[in-house]
Amino acid sequence: MIKTTLKIDGMMCSMCESHINDTVRRDFQVKKISSSHSKGITEIISEGELDETALREAIGKTGYQVLEYHAEPYEKKKFSLFGRG
């Protein structure tokens, strides 16, 4: 699994977040996506690394701009009642 973090310019409200999320879900295979207009970021969890150029292009067509792209391995956190995991 890969966690991709994007810094996005232009998000002003929750509708902007939805617009970004819907665009990415439509064009890419993602497990989870969340955006925050107050932080100016979108976080995506996917099986493999996403094509940075295609991602920038898809989001750019919606009127927003990807300022930064960062991808790293993602491991789902395990839940434990006893703090061991």
C-alpha atoms as a PDB file:
ATOM      1  CA  MET A   1       0.000   0.000   0.000  1.00  0.00           C
ATOM      2  CA  ILE A   2       1.118   3.546  -0.771  1.00  0.00           C
ATOM      3  CA  LYS A   3       0.159   6.789   0.958  1.00  0.00           C
ATOM      4  CA  THR A   4       0.284   9.775  -1.373  1.00  0.00           C
ATOM      5  CA  THR A   5       0.116  13.262   0.106  1.00  0.00           C
ATOM      6  CA  LEU A   6      -0.627  16.229  -2.135  1.00  0.00           C
ATOM      7  CA  LYS A   7      -0.378  19.892  -1.242  1.00  0.00           C
ATOM      8  CA  ILE A   8      -3.111  21.575  -3.268  1.00  0.00           C
ATOM      9  CA  ASP A   9      -3.652  25.255  -3.972  1.00  0.00           C
ATOM     10  CA  GLY A  10      -7.153  26.622  -4.370  1.00  0.00           C
ATOM     11  CA  MET A  11      -9.304  24.552  -2.003  1.00  0.00           C
ATOM     12  CA  MET A  12     -11.538  26.966  -0.069  1.00  0.00           C
ATOM     13  CA  CYS A  13     -14.408  24.864   1.324  1.00  0.00           C
ATOM     14  CA  SER A  14     -15.830  21.387   1.783  1.00  0.00           C
ATOM     15  CA  MET A  15     -17.241  21.449  -1.765  1.00  0.00           C
ATOM     16  CA  CYS A  16     -13.687  21.935  -3.034  1.00  0.00           C
ATOM     17  CA  GLU A  17     -12.628  18.874  -1.024  1.00  0.00           C
ATOM     18  CA  SER A  18     -15.454  16.844  -2.574  1.00  0.00           C
ATOM     19  CA  HIS A  19     -14.524  18.026  -6.061  1.00  0.00           C
ATOM     20  CA  ILE A  20     -10.918  16.851  -5.608  1.00  0.00           C
ATOM     21  CA  ASN A  21     -11.970  13.543  -4.002  1.00  0.00           C
ATOM     22  CA  ASP A  22     -14.509  12.760  -6.736  1.00  0.00           C
ATOM     23  CA  THR A  23     -12.009  13.554  -9.501  1.00  0.00           C
ATOM     24  CA  VAL A  24      -9.322  11.303  -8.029  1.00  0.00           C
ATOM     25  CA  ARG A  25     -11.794   8.455  -7.345  1.00  0.00           C
ATOM     26  CA  ARG A  26     -13.069   8.672 -10.920  1.00  0.00           C
ATOM     27  CA  ASP A  27      -9.641   8.623 -12.584  1.00  0.00           C
ATOM     28  CA  PHE A  28      -7.553   6.423 -10.261  1.00  0.00           C
ATOM     29  CA  GLN A  29      -7.826   3.174  -8.288  1.00  0.00           C
ATOM     30  CA  VAL A  30      -7.796   4.318  -4.660  1.00  0.00           C
ATOM     31  CA  LYS A  31      -8.661   2.601  -1.379  1.00  0.00           C
ATOM     32  CA  LYS A  32      -9.252   5.811   0.584  1.00  0.00           C
ATOM     33  CA  ILE A  33      -9.012   9.543   0.008  1.00  0.00           C
ATOM     34  CA  SER A  34      -9.489  12.543   2.244  1.00  0.00           C
ATOM     35  CA  SER A  35      -8.951  16.236   1.629  1.00  0.00           C
ATOM     36  CA  SER A  36      -8.698  19.205   3.968  1.00  0.00           C
ATOM     37  CA  HIS A  37      -9.209  22.713   2.615  1.00  0.00           C
ATOM     38  CA  SER A  38      -7.971  24.222   5.906  1.00  0.00           C
ATOM     39  CA  LYS A  39      -4.655  22.319   5.652  1.00  0.00           C
ATOM     40  CA  GLY A  40      -4.528  22.445   1.850  1.00  0.00           C
ATOM     41  CA  ILE A  41      -3.757  18.738   1.558  1.00  0.00           C
ATOM     42  CA  THR A  42      -5.187  15.566   0.090  1.00  0.00           C
ATOM     43  CA  GLU A  43      -4.153  12.134   1.348  1.00  0.00           C
ATOM     44  CA  ILE A  44      -4.672   9.055  -0.807  1.00  0.00           C
ATOM     45  CA  ILE A  45      -4.223   5.399   0.093  1.00  0.00           C
ATOM     46  CA  SER A  46      -3.779   3.082  -2.895  1.00  0.00           C
ATOM     47  CA  GLU A  47      -2.467  -0.389  -3.725  1.00  0.00           C
ATOM     48  CA  GLY A  48       0.383   0.994  -5.822  1.00  0.00           C
ATOM     49  CA  GLU A  49       2.021   4.310  -6.571  1.00  0.00           C
ATOM     50  CA  LEU A  50      -0.118   6.696  -8.605  1.00  0.00           C
ATOM     51  CA  ASP A  51       1.169   8.343 -11.774  1.00  0.00           C
ATOM     52  CA  GLU A  52       2.237  11.794 -10.562  1.00  0.00           C
ATOM     53  CA  THR A  53       1.910  13.450 -13.968  1.00  0.00           C
ATOM     54  CA  ALA A  54      -1.590  12.049 -14.558  1.00  0.00           C
ATOM     55  CA  LEU A  55      -2.654  13.019 -11.036  1.00  0.00           C
ATOM     56  CA  ARG A  56      -1.396  16.593 -11.454  1.00  0.00           C
ATOM     57  CA  GLU A  57      -3.134  16.806 -14.833  1.00  0.00           C
ATOM     58  CA  ALA A  58      -6.496  15.449 -13.583  1.00  0.00           C
ATOM     59  CA  ILE A  59      -6.549  17.824 -10.613  1.00  0.00           C
ATOM     60  CA  GLY A  60      -5.306  20.714 -12.776  1.00  0.00           C
ATOM     61  CA  LYS A  61      -8.306  20.281 -15.099  1.00  0.00           C
ATOM     62  CA  THR A  62     -10.608  20.971 -12.128  1.00  0.00           C
ATOM     63  CA  GLY A  63      -8.998  24.385 -11.541  1.00  0.00           C
ATOM     64  CA  TYR A  64      -6.789  23.428  -8.593  1.00  0.00           C
ATOM     65  CA  GLN A  65      -3.003  23.119  -8.619  1.00  0.00           C
ATOM     66  CA  VAL A  66      -0.858  20.392  -7.054  1.00  0.00           C
ATOM     67  CA  LEU A  67       2.040  22.203  -5.394  1.00  0.00           C
ATOM     68  CA  GLU A  68       3.730  19.161  -3.849  1.00  0.00           C
ATOM     69  CA  TYR A  69       3.573  15.391  -4.364  1.00  0.00           C
ATOM     70  CA  HIS A  70       4.911  12.868  -1.840  1.00  0.00           C
ATOM     71  CA  ALA A  71       4.448   9.074  -1.886  1.00  0.00           C
ATOM     72  CA  GLU A  72       5.576   6.650   0.817  1.00  0.00           C
ATOM     73  CA  PRO A  73       4.865   3.068   1.892  1.00  0.00           C
ATOM     74  CA  TYR A  74       1.757   2.803   4.061  1.00  0.00           C
ATOM     75  CA  GLU A  75       1.065   0.192   6.676  1.00  0.00           C
ATOM     76  CA  LYS A  76      -2.358   0.079   8.256  1.00  0.00           C
ATOM     77  CA  LYS A  77      -2.204   0.690  11.983  1.00  0.00           C
ATOM     78  CA  LYS A  78      -3.240  -2.284  14.072  1.00  0.00           C
ATOM     79  CA  PHE A  79      -5.717  -1.825  16.900  1.00  0.00           C
ATOM     80  CA  SER A  80      -5.009  -3.294  20.300  1.00  0.00           C
ATOM     81  CA  LEU A  81      -6.788  -2.802  23.595  1.00  0.00           C
ATOM     82  CA  PHE A  82      -3.542  -3.495  25.449  1.00  0.00           C
ATOM     83  CA  GLY A  83      -1.210  -1.143  23.583  1.00  0.00           C
ATOM     84  CA  ARG A  84       0.683  -3.971  21.899  1.00  0.00           C
ATOM     85  CA  GLY A  85       0.387  -4.558  18.385  1.00  0.00           C
END
